[in-house]
């Protein structure tokens, strides 16, 4: 049974299409990841699914309720952890959770029981009476997740939950997310631009770029679409002729060219490497370096979009303008 179904879900801002006819089915109990660079439309998708903004066209059903016709029912059924910390730092951890529970009309005894339960889940029992302003970034994230679980939601949205955290804290938080997915019997939709985060956490991954899902599947399924093994050649000068050189070469299943890098999908990298080098030499391609390995999610993104997520983040003038325009519409011109 599905927890979320979208039908041609679309959002436009002043002629800019942030989410483009999204059709997606997410199963109950699934930990689903939306992976893509900043500006891909991930946050806008979550805001539509959580009824914070209305779609320009199309619709979706979340936990059995229409985001257009049953907004209150959708909100009763979901929890949300935003990119930016939204806790009251002048309250204690316990008080933040208690306030949230009161907003959902939970009775006193149930509130007390549930607060203790979610604090144990995120290992913050000993910090319950401490003001949130004294929490570390990782502790605040864990408290926000606990808050999102207070009212027993059927679906939990995590929008870039580890953004800005150091690597060690990020890995700790991953374990908490894994545990709550198992213990709470809840559907989790997570957005991220961290490859390793999607790889480690998600049952399935939808790779999103310019408002569209360009590939979807388990991590292993996505990697197999690129090829069994990968040979990466760094060449001197332009690599534009590479596709003609390697297309049709026995054992090469696919060719991807990015700047001066040529990525070849092959059946057996070690056996194919001598043939690849020989073909390169015959074609006059000067090889600066060679590497072999298994495909990664970065390779999958490159395969479907012709660029890397890291490259997109680094060179992102156009993406930055796109994010700014969307941000002004999402937040009504306020600074985030």
Protein backbone atom coordinates (compact mmCIF):
# COMPACT_ATOMS: atom_id res chain seq x y z
CA UNK A 1 0.00 0.00 0.00
CA UNK A 2 1.28 3.49 -0.82
CA UNK A 3 1.92 6.24 1.73
CA UNK A 4 2.35 8.93 -0.92
CA UNK A 5 1.22 9.19 -4.54
CA UNK A 6 1.81 12.23 -6.72
CA UNK A 7 0.12 12.86 -10.05
CA UNK A 8 1.78 15.39 -12.37
CA UNK A 9 2.71 17.48 -9.32
CA UNK A 10 4.04 20.83 -10.60
CA UNK A 11 5.16 24.10 -9.05
CA UNK A 12 6.07 27.23 -11.00
CA UNK A 13 7.41 30.56 -9.74
CA UNK A 14 7.26 33.50 -12.18
CA UNK A 15 7.77 31.24 -15.19
CA UNK A 16 10.41 29.09 -13.47
CA UNK A 17 9.40 25.44 -13.10
CA UNK A 18 10.72 24.25 -9.73
CA UNK A 19 8.94 20.87 -9.82
CA UNK A 20 7.95 19.49 -13.20
CA UNK A 21 5.06 16.99 -13.46
CA UNK A 22 6.29 14.74 -10.67
CA UNK A 23 4.78 11.24 -10.63
CA UNK A 24 5.94 9.27 -7.64
CA UNK A 25 4.72 6.39 -5.48
CA UNK A 26 6.24 5.79 -2.04
CA UNK A 27 5.29 2.66 -0.14
CA UNK A 28 4.16 2.51 3.49
CA UNK A 29 7.11 1.92 5.83
CA UNK A 30 9.64 2.91 3.18
CA UNK A 31 12.64 5.15 3.82
CA UNK A 32 12.73 7.04 0.54
CA UNK A 33 15.41 9.52 -0.48
CA UNK A 34 15.23 12.44 -2.89
CA UNK A 35 18.83 12.98 -3.99
CA UNK A 36 19.98 15.96 -5.99
CA UNK A 37 21.87 19.26 -5.94
CA UNK A 38 20.57 22.43 -4.32
CA UNK A 39 17.90 23.92 -6.56
CA UNK A 40 16.73 20.55 -7.90
CA UNK A 41 13.23 20.96 -6.44
CA UNK A 42 13.52 18.68 -3.41
CA UNK A 43 12.43 21.17 -0.74
CA UNK A 44 9.65 22.54 -2.96
CA UNK A 45 8.34 18.99 -3.35
CA UNK A 46 8.27 18.48 0.42
CA UNK A 47 6.53 21.81 0.95
CA UNK A 48 3.77 20.81 -1.46
CA UNK A 49 3.38 17.36 0.11
CA UNK A 50 3.17 18.90 3.57
CA UNK A 51 0.58 21.49 2.36
CA UNK A 52 2.86 24.47 3.13
CA UNK A 53 2.52 25.65 -0.48
CA UNK A 54 -0.05 24.81 -3.14
CA UNK A 55 0.98 23.17 -6.41
CA UNK A 56 0.52 25.10 -9.64
CA UNK A 57 -1.04 21.96 -11.12
CA UNK A 58 -1.35 18.27 -10.38
CA UNK A 59 -2.03 16.81 -6.96
CA UNK A 60 -0.88 14.25 -4.40
CA UNK A 61 -2.29 11.94 -1.77
CA UNK A 62 -0.41 11.71 1.54
CA UNK A 63 -1.40 9.05 4.10
CA UNK A 64 -4.68 8.62 2.23
CA UNK A 65 -5.56 12.34 2.14
CA UNK A 66 -5.56 14.85 -0.71
CA UNK A 67 -3.11 17.74 -0.27
CA UNK A 68 -5.66 20.00 -1.99
CA UNK A 69 -8.94 18.95 -0.39
CA UNK A 70 -7.89 17.55 3.02
CA UNK A 71 -5.07 19.81 4.15
CA UNK A 72 -5.85 19.48 7.87
CA UNK A 73 -5.99 15.69 7.64
CA UNK A 74 -2.63 15.65 5.86
CA UNK A 75 -1.08 17.84 8.57
CA UNK A 76 -2.44 15.56 11.30
CA UNK A 77 -0.76 12.61 9.57
CA UNK A 78 2.75 14.01 9.02
CA UNK A 79 5.81 15.17 10.93
CA UNK A 80 8.27 17.68 9.49
CA UNK A 81 11.93 18.49 10.12
CA UNK A 82 12.98 21.58 8.16
CA UNK A 83 16.43 22.47 6.85
CA UNK A 84 16.73 25.36 9.29
CA UNK A 85 16.46 24.81 13.04
CA UNK A 86 12.96 25.84 14.17
CA UNK A 87 13.16 25.07 17.91
CA UNK A 88 12.55 27.67 20.61
CA UNK A 89 16.04 27.98 22.05
CA UNK A 90 14.75 29.79 25.17
CA UNK A 91 12.79 26.68 26.19
CA UNK A 92 14.14 23.36 27.43
CA UNK A 93 14.04 20.24 25.31
CA UNK A 94 11.09 18.94 27.35
CA UNK A 95 9.20 22.23 26.98
CA UNK A 96 9.68 22.25 23.20
CA UNK A 97 8.19 18.77 22.95
CA UNK A 98 5.39 19.55 25.39
CA UNK A 99 4.39 22.69 23.47
CA UNK A 100 4.30 20.74 20.19
CA UNK A 101 2.15 18.01 21.76
CA UNK A 102 -0.30 20.57 23.15
CA UNK A 103 -0.67 22.04 19.66
CA UNK A 104 -1.86 18.61 18.52
CA UNK A 105 -4.29 18.31 21.45
CA UNK A 106 -2.53 15.44 23.20
CA UNK A 107 -3.71 14.81 26.77
CA UNK A 108 -1.35 15.30 29.72
CA UNK A 109 -0.57 11.68 30.52
CA UNK A 110 -0.09 10.75 26.87
CA UNK A 111 2.15 13.81 26.39
CA UNK A 112 4.36 12.80 29.32
CA UNK A 113 4.60 9.20 28.15
CA UNK A 114 5.38 10.15 24.56
CA UNK A 115 7.96 12.81 25.49
CA UNK A 116 9.88 10.26 27.54
CA UNK A 117 9.62 7.76 24.69
CA UNK A 118 10.94 10.04 21.93
CA UNK A 119 13.70 11.45 24.17
CA UNK A 120 14.91 7.89 24.75
CA UNK A 121 14.77 7.22 21.02
CA UNK A 122 17.14 10.11 20.26
CA UNK A 123 19.23 9.65 23.43
CA UNK A 124 18.43 13.03 24.97
CA UNK A 125 16.84 11.94 28.26
CA UNK A 126 19.64 13.53 30.28
CA UNK A 127 19.28 16.82 28.37
CA UNK A 128 15.51 17.16 28.73
CA UNK A 129 15.69 20.02 31.27
CA UNK A 130 18.52 21.90 29.54
CA UNK A 131 17.78 25.02 27.50
CA UNK A 132 18.00 24.29 23.79
CA UNK A 133 20.36 27.23 23.24
CA UNK A 134 23.01 25.14 25.00
CA UNK A 135 22.48 22.11 22.72
CA UNK A 136 25.01 21.25 20.03
CA UNK A 137 23.88 21.29 16.40
CA UNK A 138 23.55 17.51 16.38
CA UNK A 139 21.50 17.53 19.59
CA UNK A 140 19.15 20.15 18.15
CA UNK A 141 18.64 18.02 15.04
CA UNK A 142 17.85 14.99 17.19
CA UNK A 143 15.37 17.01 19.25
CA UNK A 144 13.68 18.23 16.06
CA UNK A 145 13.29 14.63 14.90
CA UNK A 146 11.85 13.74 18.31
CA UNK A 147 9.42 16.65 18.01
CA UNK A 148 8.35 15.49 14.55
CA UNK A 149 7.46 12.09 16.03
CA UNK A 150 5.50 13.36 19.04
CA UNK A 151 2.01 13.04 17.57
CA UNK A 152 2.53 9.56 16.05
CA UNK A 153 2.68 10.67 12.40
CA UNK A 154 2.30 8.17 9.60
CA UNK A 155 4.78 10.04 7.38
CA UNK A 156 7.90 11.95 8.47
CA UNK A 157 9.57 14.47 6.16
CA UNK A 158 13.28 15.15 6.77
CA UNK A 159 14.56 18.04 4.65
CA UNK A 160 18.38 17.88 4.53
CA UNK A 161 18.46 16.67 8.17
CA UNK A 162 22.27 16.61 8.46
CA UNK A 163 23.01 19.85 6.59
CA UNK A 164 25.83 21.78 8.25
CA UNK A 165 26.79 18.99 10.67
CA UNK A 166 30.29 17.59 10.89
CA UNK A 167 30.95 14.11 9.47
CA UNK A 168 31.00 12.35 12.85
CA UNK A 169 27.72 13.90 14.02
CA UNK A 170 26.17 13.16 10.64
CA UNK A 171 26.96 9.45 10.95
CA UNK A 172 25.53 9.33 14.47
CA UNK A 173 22.31 10.95 13.25
CA UNK A 174 22.07 8.41 10.44
CA UNK A 175 21.94 5.64 13.04
CA UNK A 176 19.12 7.41 14.91
CA UNK A 177 17.15 7.77 11.67
CA UNK A 178 17.67 4.07 10.88
CA UNK A 179 16.51 3.10 14.37
CA UNK A 180 13.39 5.23 14.35
CA UNK A 181 12.44 3.88 10.91
CA UNK A 182 12.57 0.36 12.34
CA UNK A 183 10.94 1.10 15.70
CA UNK A 184 8.22 3.57 14.75
CA UNK A 185 6.82 1.73 11.70
CA UNK A 186 6.76 5.03 9.86
CA UNK A 187 7.28 6.18 6.27
CA UNK A 188 10.22 8.57 5.96
CA UNK A 189 10.93 10.85 3.01
CA UNK A 190 14.39 12.37 3.19
CA UNK A 191 15.97 14.97 0.94
CA UNK A 192 19.75 15.17 0.64
CA UNK A 193 22.62 16.11 -1.65
CA UNK A 194 25.00 13.81 0.25
CA UNK A 195 25.63 10.67 -1.83
CA UNK A 196 26.78 8.59 1.13
CA UNK A 197 23.70 9.61 3.14
CA UNK A 198 21.28 8.37 0.49
CA UNK A 199 23.38 5.24 -0.02
CA UNK A 200 23.45 4.36 3.69
CA UNK A 201 19.91 5.24 4.70
CA UNK A 202 17.44 4.81 1.89
CA UNK A 203 15.45 1.78 0.77
CA UNK A 204 14.93 3.52 -2.57
CA UNK A 205 16.32 6.70 -4.07
CA UNK A 206 14.85 9.12 -6.57
CA UNK A 207 17.52 11.20 -8.28
CA UNK A 208 16.11 14.67 -8.89
CA UNK A 209 17.42 17.32 -11.27
CA UNK A 210 15.74 20.54 -12.46
CA UNK A 211 12.43 19.53 -10.94
CA UNK A 212 12.25 16.05 -12.45
CA UNK A 213 12.99 12.52 -11.26
CA UNK A 214 15.62 11.29 -13.73
CA UNK A 215 16.14 7.85 -12.16
CA UNK A 216 14.61 5.82 -9.33
CA UNK A 217 15.40 2.54 -7.62
CA UNK A 218 17.45 0.98 -4.86
CA UNK A 219 21.07 2.08 -4.60
CA UNK A 220 22.25 -1.18 -6.16
CA UNK A 221 19.68 -1.02 -8.95
CA UNK A 222 20.76 2.51 -9.84
CA UNK A 223 24.44 1.58 -9.86
CA UNK A 224 23.79 -1.43 -12.09
CA UNK A 225 22.14 0.88 -14.63
CA UNK A 226 25.54 2.55 -15.07
CA UNK A 227 27.42 -0.72 -15.45
CA UNK A 228 29.06 -3.54 -13.55
CA UNK A 229 32.47 -1.87 -13.27
CA UNK A 230 33.83 1.54 -14.12
CA UNK A 231 37.04 2.63 -15.84
CA UNK A 232 37.73 6.34 -15.56
CA UNK A 233 40.28 7.99 -17.86
CA UNK A 234 41.64 11.47 -17.31
CA UNK A 235 42.88 12.66 -20.71
CA UNK A 236 44.96 15.61 -21.82
CA UNK A 237 43.00 18.04 -23.92
CA UNK A 238 39.46 17.65 -25.23
CA UNK A 239 37.70 14.33 -24.75
CA UNK A 240 34.99 15.06 -27.28
CA UNK A 241 35.96 12.26 -29.68
CA UNK A 242 35.94 9.65 -26.93
CA UNK A 243 32.41 8.43 -27.58
CA UNK A 244 33.32 7.36 -31.14
CA UNK A 245 36.54 5.72 -29.93
CA UNK A 246 34.95 3.50 -27.30
CA UNK A 247 31.40 2.95 -28.56
CA UNK A 248 31.24 -0.56 -29.96
CA UNK A 249 34.45 -1.68 -28.23
CA UNK A 250 33.87 -5.20 -26.95
CA UNK A 251 33.00 -5.26 -23.26
CA UNK A 252 32.14 -1.54 -23.05
CA UNK A 253 28.49 -1.08 -22.13
CA UNK A 254 28.42 2.70 -21.94
CA UNK A 255 30.48 5.85 -22.44
CA UNK A 256 30.12 9.11 -20.51
CA UNK A 257 32.26 12.20 -21.17
CA UNK A 258 32.59 15.06 -18.68
CA UNK A 259 35.19 17.76 -19.42
CA UNK A 260 38.49 15.85 -19.68
CA UNK A 261 37.19 12.73 -17.94
CA UNK A 262 35.93 9.64 -19.79
CA UNK A 263 33.91 7.11 -17.79
CA UNK A 264 33.42 3.66 -19.31
CA UNK A 265 30.91 1.11 -18.03
CA UNK A 266 32.41 -2.33 -18.50
CA UNK A 267 31.74 -5.95 -17.57
CA UNK A 268 35.15 -6.69 -16.08
CA UNK A 269 37.41 -3.70 -15.50
CA UNK A 270 40.67 -5.60 -15.03
CA UNK A 271 40.23 -7.62 -18.22
CA UNK A 272 39.03 -4.63 -20.23
CA UNK A 273 41.70 -2.15 -19.18
CA UNK A 274 44.42 -3.27 -21.66
CA UNK A 275 41.94 -3.05 -24.56
CA UNK A 276 40.78 0.40 -23.43
CA UNK A 277 44.34 1.71 -23.23
CA UNK A 278 45.18 0.25 -26.64
CA UNK A 279 42.12 1.91 -28.19
CA UNK A 280 43.07 5.20 -26.52
CA UNK A 281 46.59 5.08 -27.92
CA UNK A 282 45.38 4.28 -31.43
CA UNK A 283 43.02 7.26 -31.26
CA UNK A 284 45.79 9.55 -30.01
CA UNK A 285 44.14 10.26 -26.67
CA UNK A 286 46.82 11.29 -24.15
CA UNK A 287 46.01 9.55 -20.86
CA UNK A 288 46.97 11.48 -17.72
CA UNK A 289 45.57 8.96 -15.24
CA UNK A 290 43.46 5.80 -15.03
CA UNK A 291 41.27 4.50 -12.20
CA UNK A 292 38.96 1.54 -11.79
CA UNK A 293 36.09 0.91 -9.39
CA UNK A 294 32.47 0.13 -8.84
CA UNK A 295 29.88 2.74 -9.87
CA UNK A 296 28.72 5.21 -7.22
CA UNK A 297 25.59 7.33 -6.98
CA UNK A 298 27.72 10.22 -8.23
CA UNK A 299 28.36 8.14 -11.38
CA UNK A 300 24.62 7.51 -11.69
CA UNK A 301 23.89 11.24 -11.51
CA UNK A 302 26.61 11.94 -14.08
CA UNK A 303 25.21 9.19 -16.32
CA UNK A 304 21.70 10.68 -16.36
CA UNK A 305 22.51 14.41 -16.34
CA UNK A 306 25.95 14.75 -17.95
CA UNK A 307 27.44 16.44 -14.89
CA UNK A 308 28.28 15.66 -11.27
CA UNK A 309 26.37 16.87 -8.23
CA UNK A 310 29.62 18.22 -6.79
CA UNK A 311 30.36 20.01 -10.04
CA UNK A 312 26.86 21.44 -10.04
CA UNK A 313 27.32 22.69 -6.47
CA UNK A 314 30.72 24.20 -7.23
CA UNK A 315 29.87 25.98 -10.47
CA UNK A 316 26.32 26.89 -9.53
CA UNK A 317 25.76 30.52 -10.59
CA UNK A 318 22.66 29.50 -12.50
CA UNK A 319 21.56 27.15 -9.72
CA UNK A 320 22.13 29.89 -7.13
CA UNK A 321 19.92 32.32 -9.06
CA UNK A 322 17.31 29.57 -9.35
CA UNK A 323 17.42 28.93 -5.59
CA UNK A 324 17.16 32.64 -4.81
CA UNK A 325 14.11 33.07 -7.03
CA UNK A 326 12.41 30.02 -5.54
CA UNK A 327 13.39 31.09 -2.04
CA UNK A 328 11.81 34.52 -2.44
CA UNK A 329 8.55 32.87 -3.49
CA UNK A 330 8.63 30.21 -0.74
CA UNK A 331 9.38 32.63 2.06
CA UNK A 332 7.61 35.74 0.84
CA UNK A 333 10.76 37.80 0.48
CA UNK A 334 11.93 37.21 4.09
CA UNK A 335 15.52 36.32 4.86
CA UNK A 336 15.94 32.69 5.82
